[in-house]
């Protein structure tokens, strides 16, 4: 009983085509989730999530850390084996940040001054 002849070039091209199609679907799904998905699903934190404000290293793997979470500043004692809540207070209002400008707008603004 003879086995049918297999064209390895066609098989290789078909496999590569399916691989690129699968990768395209994965990247499209990632882009759609990032663009229209649940806020914070593909990012760490978000507007309401915990945010590291400051950290003071005290020694090897020991620190005092200030974390802002839900409009409260939490002072945490962090060691290698545990995290302890030391203090909790209302968060101070954050100063307004100046609007960030991209490189093109700065270049365009400065080009008129020559």
N, C-alpha and C. Protein backbone atom coordinates (compact mmCIF):
# COMPACT_ATOMS: atom_id res chain seq x y z
N UNK A 1 0.83 -1.16 0.00
CA UNK A 1 0.00 0.00 0.00
C UNK A 1 0.89 1.25 0.00
N UNK A 2 0.67 2.12 -0.96
CA UNK A 2 1.48 3.33 -1.10
C UNK A 2 0.79 4.52 -0.45
N UNK A 3 1.63 5.36 0.16
CA UNK A 3 1.11 6.60 0.73
C UNK A 3 1.05 7.65 -0.37
N UNK A 4 0.08 8.57 -0.27
CA UNK A 4 0.01 9.61 -1.30
C UNK A 4 1.21 10.56 -1.18
N UNK A 5 1.62 11.11 -2.29
CA UNK A 5 2.74 12.03 -2.31
C UNK A 5 2.32 13.36 -1.67
N UNK A 6 3.22 13.91 -0.88
CA UNK A 6 2.94 15.17 -0.20
C UNK A 6 3.88 16.23 -0.74
N UNK A 7 3.33 17.36 -1.14
CA UNK A 7 4.15 18.47 -1.61
C UNK A 7 4.51 19.31 -0.39
N UNK A 8 5.78 19.24 0.04
CA UNK A 8 6.18 19.92 1.27
C UNK A 8 6.14 21.44 1.12
N UNK A 9 6.34 21.97 -0.08
CA UNK A 9 6.27 23.41 -0.29
C UNK A 9 4.88 23.94 -0.05
N UNK A 10 3.87 23.25 -0.55
CA UNK A 10 2.49 23.68 -0.36
C UNK A 10 2.10 23.56 1.10
N UNK A 11 2.50 22.49 1.75
CA UNK A 11 2.19 22.28 3.15
C UNK A 11 2.82 23.37 4.02
N UNK A 12 4.06 23.72 3.71
CA UNK A 12 4.76 24.76 4.46
C UNK A 12 4.08 26.11 4.28
N UNK A 13 3.70 26.45 3.06
CA UNK A 13 3.03 27.73 2.80
C UNK A 13 1.66 27.78 3.47
N UNK A 14 0.94 26.69 3.44
CA UNK A 14 -0.38 26.64 4.09
C UNK A 14 -0.24 26.82 5.60
N UNK A 15 0.73 26.15 6.20
CA UNK A 15 0.96 26.27 7.64
C UNK A 15 1.35 27.69 8.00
N UNK A 16 2.24 28.30 7.22
CA UNK A 16 2.66 29.68 7.48
C UNK A 16 1.47 30.63 7.32
N UNK A 17 0.63 30.40 6.34
CA UNK A 17 -0.55 31.23 6.15
C UNK A 17 -1.49 31.17 7.34
N UNK A 18 -1.74 29.97 7.85
CA UNK A 18 -2.60 29.83 9.03
C UNK A 18 -1.96 30.49 10.25
N UNK A 19 -0.65 30.39 10.38
CA UNK A 19 0.05 31.02 11.50
C UNK A 19 -0.12 32.54 11.45
N UNK A 20 0.10 33.15 10.28
CA UNK A 20 -0.07 34.60 10.15
C UNK A 20 -1.52 35.02 10.36
N UNK A 21 -2.45 34.21 9.91
CA UNK A 21 -3.86 34.50 10.13
C UNK A 21 -4.19 34.48 11.63
N UNK A 22 -3.68 33.49 12.34
CA UNK A 22 -3.91 33.39 13.78
C UNK A 22 -3.28 34.56 14.52
N UNK A 23 -2.05 34.92 14.16
CA UNK A 23 -1.40 36.07 14.79
C UNK A 23 -2.17 37.36 14.50
N UNK A 24 -2.70 37.51 13.30
CA UNK A 24 -3.50 38.67 12.97
C UNK A 24 -4.75 38.76 13.81
N UNK A 25 -5.40 37.64 14.02
CA UNK A 25 -6.61 37.61 14.85
C UNK A 25 -6.27 37.97 16.30
N UNK A 26 -5.15 37.47 16.81
CA UNK A 26 -4.74 37.78 18.18
C UNK A 26 -4.47 39.27 18.33
N UNK A 27 -3.71 39.86 17.39
CA UNK A 27 -3.42 41.30 17.48
C UNK A 27 -4.68 42.14 17.30
N UNK A 28 -5.59 41.71 16.44
CA UNK A 28 -6.86 42.44 16.27
C UNK A 28 -7.69 42.38 17.55
N UNK A 29 -7.74 41.23 18.18
CA UNK A 29 -8.49 41.11 19.44
C UNK A 29 -7.85 41.97 20.53
N UNK A 30 -6.53 42.01 20.59
CA UNK A 30 -5.83 42.85 21.56
C UNK A 30 -6.17 44.32 21.32
N UNK A 31 -6.11 44.76 20.07
CA UNK A 31 -6.38 46.15 19.74
C UNK A 31 -7.83 46.51 20.08
N UNK A 32 -8.77 45.61 19.75
CA UNK A 32 -10.18 45.88 20.05
C UNK A 32 -10.42 45.96 21.56
N UNK A 33 -9.79 45.07 22.33
CA UNK A 33 -9.94 45.13 23.79
C UNK A 33 -9.33 46.40 24.35
N UNK A 34 -8.18 46.78 23.83
CA UNK A 34 -7.52 47.99 24.30
C UNK A 34 -8.35 49.23 23.96
N UNK A 35 -8.95 49.23 22.79
CA UNK A 35 -9.70 50.40 22.32
C UNK A 35 -11.11 50.48 22.91
N UNK A 36 -11.84 49.36 22.90
CA UNK A 36 -13.24 49.38 23.28
C UNK A 36 -13.57 48.52 24.50
N UNK A 37 -12.58 47.85 25.05
CA UNK A 37 -12.84 46.89 26.11
C UNK A 37 -13.11 47.52 27.46
N UNK A 38 -13.13 46.69 28.45
CA UNK A 38 -13.36 47.13 29.82
C UNK A 38 -12.20 48.01 30.26
N UNK A 39 -12.48 49.22 30.79
CA UNK A 39 -11.38 50.09 31.22
C UNK A 39 -10.52 49.42 32.28
N UNK A 40 -9.24 49.45 32.09
CA UNK A 40 -8.32 48.86 33.05
C UNK A 40 -8.12 47.37 32.88
N UNK A 41 -8.74 46.76 31.87
CA UNK A 41 -8.61 45.32 31.70
C UNK A 41 -7.20 44.94 31.27
N UNK A 42 -6.59 45.74 30.40
CA UNK A 42 -5.26 45.41 29.90
C UNK A 42 -4.19 46.32 30.47
N UNK A 43 -4.53 47.11 31.48
CA UNK A 43 -3.55 48.00 32.10
C UNK A 43 -3.49 47.71 33.58
N UNK A 44 -2.40 48.08 34.17
CA UNK A 44 -2.30 47.91 35.62
C UNK A 44 -2.78 49.20 36.27
N UNK A 45 -3.79 49.09 37.05
CA UNK A 45 -4.35 50.28 37.70
C UNK A 45 -5.26 51.03 36.76
N UNK A 46 -5.62 52.18 37.14
CA UNK A 46 -6.49 53.04 36.36
C UNK A 46 -6.78 54.25 37.21
N UNK A 47 -7.80 55.01 36.83
CA UNK A 47 -8.10 56.21 37.60
C UNK A 47 -8.46 55.90 39.05
N UNK A 48 -9.15 54.80 39.32
CA UNK A 48 -9.56 54.48 40.68
C UNK A 48 -8.68 53.44 41.35
N UNK A 49 -7.67 52.96 40.66
CA UNK A 49 -6.84 51.90 41.20
C UNK A 49 -5.76 52.43 42.13
N UNK A 50 -5.12 51.54 42.86
CA UNK A 50 -4.05 51.97 43.76
C UNK A 50 -2.88 52.55 42.96
N UNK A 51 -2.24 53.59 43.54
CA UNK A 51 -1.12 54.25 42.87
C UNK A 51 -0.04 54.54 43.90
N UNK A 52 1.18 54.19 43.58
CA UNK A 52 2.32 54.46 44.45
C UNK A 52 2.64 55.94 44.43
N UNK A 53 2.62 56.58 45.59
CA UNK A 53 2.92 58.01 45.69
C UNK A 53 4.39 58.21 46.02
N UNK A 54 4.88 57.50 47.03
CA UNK A 54 6.27 57.67 47.45
C UNK A 54 6.73 56.43 48.20
N UNK A 55 8.04 56.26 48.25
CA UNK A 55 8.60 55.11 48.96
C UNK A 55 9.92 55.51 49.60
N UNK A 56 10.11 55.09 50.85
CA UNK A 56 11.36 55.35 51.57
C UNK A 56 11.95 54.01 51.97
N UNK A 57 13.10 53.69 51.39
CA UNK A 57 13.76 52.43 51.72
C UNK A 57 14.44 52.56 53.08
N UNK A 58 14.17 51.61 53.97
CA UNK A 58 14.74 51.63 55.32
C UNK A 58 15.90 50.65 55.47
N UNK A 59 15.90 49.64 54.68
CA UNK A 59 16.95 48.63 54.78
C UNK A 59 16.75 47.60 53.69
N UNK A 60 17.38 46.46 53.89
CA UNK A 60 17.27 45.39 52.93
C UNK A 60 15.85 44.84 52.92
N UNK A 61 15.10 45.13 51.85
CA UNK A 61 13.72 44.65 51.67
C UNK A 61 12.76 45.17 52.72
N UNK A 62 13.01 46.38 53.23
CA UNK A 62 12.12 47.03 54.20
C UNK A 62 11.91 48.46 53.74
N UNK A 63 10.65 48.90 53.74
CA UNK A 63 10.39 50.26 53.30
C UNK A 63 9.10 50.79 53.91
N UNK A 64 9.00 52.13 53.90
CA UNK A 64 7.74 52.81 54.20
C UNK A 64 7.21 53.27 52.85
N UNK A 65 5.95 52.99 52.59
CA UNK A 65 5.37 53.27 51.28
C UNK A 65 4.06 54.01 51.45
N UNK A 66 3.88 55.06 50.65
CA UNK A 66 2.60 55.78 50.63
C UNK A 66 1.88 55.39 49.34
N UNK A 67 0.67 54.85 49.50
CA UNK A 67 -0.14 54.41 48.37
C UNK A 67 -1.45 55.19 48.40
N UNK A 68 -1.85 55.76 47.26
CA UNK A 68 -3.13 56.46 47.16
C UNK A 68 -4.16 55.49 46.58
N UNK A 69 -5.26 55.30 47.33
CA UNK A 69 -6.32 54.39 46.90
C UNK A 69 -7.65 54.94 47.36
N UNK A 70 -8.56 55.15 46.40
CA UNK A 70 -9.91 55.65 46.68
C UNK A 70 -9.89 56.91 47.53
N UNK A 71 -9.13 57.91 47.10
CA UNK A 71 -9.03 59.21 47.77
C UNK A 71 -8.51 59.13 49.20
N UNK A 72 -7.72 58.12 49.48
CA UNK A 72 -7.07 58.00 50.78
C UNK A 72 -5.59 57.72 50.56
N UNK A 73 -4.76 58.30 51.41
CA UNK A 73 -3.34 57.99 51.41
C UNK A 73 -3.08 56.97 52.51
N UNK A 74 -2.51 55.85 52.14
CA UNK A 74 -2.22 54.76 53.08
C UNK A 74 -0.72 54.69 53.29
N UNK A 75 -0.28 54.77 54.54
CA UNK A 75 1.13 54.59 54.88
C UNK A 75 1.31 53.12 55.25
N UNK A 76 2.12 52.43 54.47
CA UNK A 76 2.31 50.99 54.66
C UNK A 76 3.75 50.71 55.06
N UNK A 77 3.91 49.82 56.02
CA UNK A 77 5.22 49.28 56.35
C UNK A 77 5.38 47.98 55.58
N UNK A 78 6.39 47.90 54.73
CA UNK A 78 6.55 46.74 53.85
C UNK A 78 7.85 46.04 54.20
N UNK A 79 7.75 44.75 54.51
CA UNK A 79 8.93 43.92 54.73
C UNK A 79 8.87 42.75 53.76
N UNK A 80 9.85 41.88 53.88
CA UNK A 80 9.90 40.72 52.99
C UNK A 80 8.71 39.78 53.20
N UNK A 81 8.18 39.74 54.42
CA UNK A 81 7.16 38.75 54.74
C UNK A 81 5.77 39.32 54.97
N UNK A 82 5.64 40.64 55.18
CA UNK A 82 4.30 41.17 55.43
C UNK A 82 4.20 42.65 55.08
N UNK A 83 2.96 43.09 54.95
CA UNK A 83 2.64 44.49 54.71
C UNK A 83 1.71 44.92 55.83
N UNK A 84 2.05 46.02 56.52
CA UNK A 84 1.27 46.48 57.66
C UNK A 84 0.78 47.89 57.40
N UNK A 85 -0.52 48.12 57.63
CA UNK A 85 -1.09 49.45 57.50
C UNK A 85 -0.72 50.24 58.75
N UNK A 86 0.07 51.31 58.59
CA UNK A 86 0.53 52.11 59.71
C UNK A 86 -0.36 53.32 59.94
N UNK A 87 -0.87 53.91 58.86
CA UNK A 87 -1.66 55.12 58.98
C UNK A 87 -2.54 55.27 57.75
N UNK A 88 -3.66 55.99 57.93
CA UNK A 88 -4.58 56.24 56.82
C UNK A 88 -5.08 57.67 56.95
N UNK A 89 -5.08 58.42 55.85
CA UNK A 89 -5.56 59.80 55.88
C UNK A 89 -6.21 60.15 54.55
N UNK A 90 -7.00 61.23 54.56
CA UNK A 90 -7.62 61.70 53.32
C UNK A 90 -6.52 62.21 52.40
N UNK A 91 -6.64 61.91 51.12
CA UNK A 91 -5.63 62.32 50.16
C UNK A 91 -5.70 63.82 49.92
N UNK A 92 -4.55 64.45 49.88
CA UNK A 92 -4.48 65.88 49.57
C UNK A 92 -4.75 66.05 48.07
N UNK A 93 -5.39 67.16 47.69
CA UNK A 93 -5.63 67.36 46.26
C UNK A 93 -4.32 67.46 45.49
N UNK A 94 -4.31 66.85 44.31
CA UNK A 94 -3.10 66.86 43.50
C UNK A 94 -2.98 68.18 42.75
N UNK A 95 -1.78 68.71 42.65
CA UNK A 95 -1.61 69.94 41.86
C UNK A 95 -1.88 69.66 40.39
N UNK A 96 -2.42 70.66 39.70
CA UNK A 96 -2.71 70.48 38.28
C UNK A 96 -1.42 70.40 37.50
N UNK A 97 -1.39 69.44 36.59
CA UNK A 97 -0.22 69.29 35.74
C UNK A 97 -0.40 70.15 34.50
N UNK A 98 0.67 70.78 34.05
CA UNK A 98 0.55 71.50 32.79
C UNK A 98 0.33 70.52 31.65
N UNK A 99 -0.39 70.96 30.63
CA UNK A 99 -0.70 70.08 29.51
C UNK A 99 0.59 69.69 28.80
N UNK A 100 0.74 68.41 28.53
CA UNK A 100 1.92 67.94 27.82
C UNK A 100 1.79 68.28 26.35
N UNK A 101 2.88 68.70 25.78
CA UNK A 101 2.90 69.01 24.36
C UNK A 101 3.82 68.01 23.68
N UNK A 102 3.42 67.63 22.49
CA UNK A 102 4.27 66.69 21.77
C UNK A 102 5.37 67.44 21.03
N UNK A 103 6.33 66.72 20.54
CA UNK A 103 7.49 67.30 19.91
C UNK A 103 7.12 68.14 18.69
N UNK A 104 6.16 67.68 17.90
CA UNK A 104 5.77 68.39 16.69
C UNK A 104 5.21 69.77 17.01
N UNK A 105 4.38 69.89 18.06
CA UNK A 105 3.80 71.20 18.39
C UNK A 105 4.87 72.16 18.92
N UNK A 106 5.84 71.67 19.67
CA UNK A 106 6.93 72.52 20.16
C UNK A 106 7.79 72.98 18.99
N UNK A 107 8.08 72.10 18.06
CA UNK A 107 8.88 72.45 16.90
C UNK A 107 8.16 73.48 16.04
N UNK A 108 6.86 73.28 15.86
CA UNK A 108 6.07 74.22 15.05
C UNK A 108 6.04 75.59 15.71
N UNK A 109 5.88 75.65 17.01
CA UNK A 109 5.84 76.92 17.74
C UNK A 109 7.18 77.65 17.65
N UNK A 110 8.27 76.91 17.80
CA UNK A 110 9.61 77.50 17.77
C UNK A 110 10.07 77.85 16.37
N UNK A 111 9.52 77.23 15.35
CA UNK A 111 9.92 77.51 13.97
C UNK A 111 9.54 78.94 13.55
N UNK A 112 8.47 79.50 14.11
CA UNK A 112 8.03 80.84 13.77
C UNK A 112 8.89 81.93 14.40
N UNK A 113 9.74 81.57 15.37
CA UNK A 113 10.56 82.57 16.08
C UNK A 113 11.91 82.83 15.43
N UNK A 114 12.21 82.16 14.34
CA UNK A 114 13.52 82.31 13.70
C UNK A 114 13.60 83.51 12.82
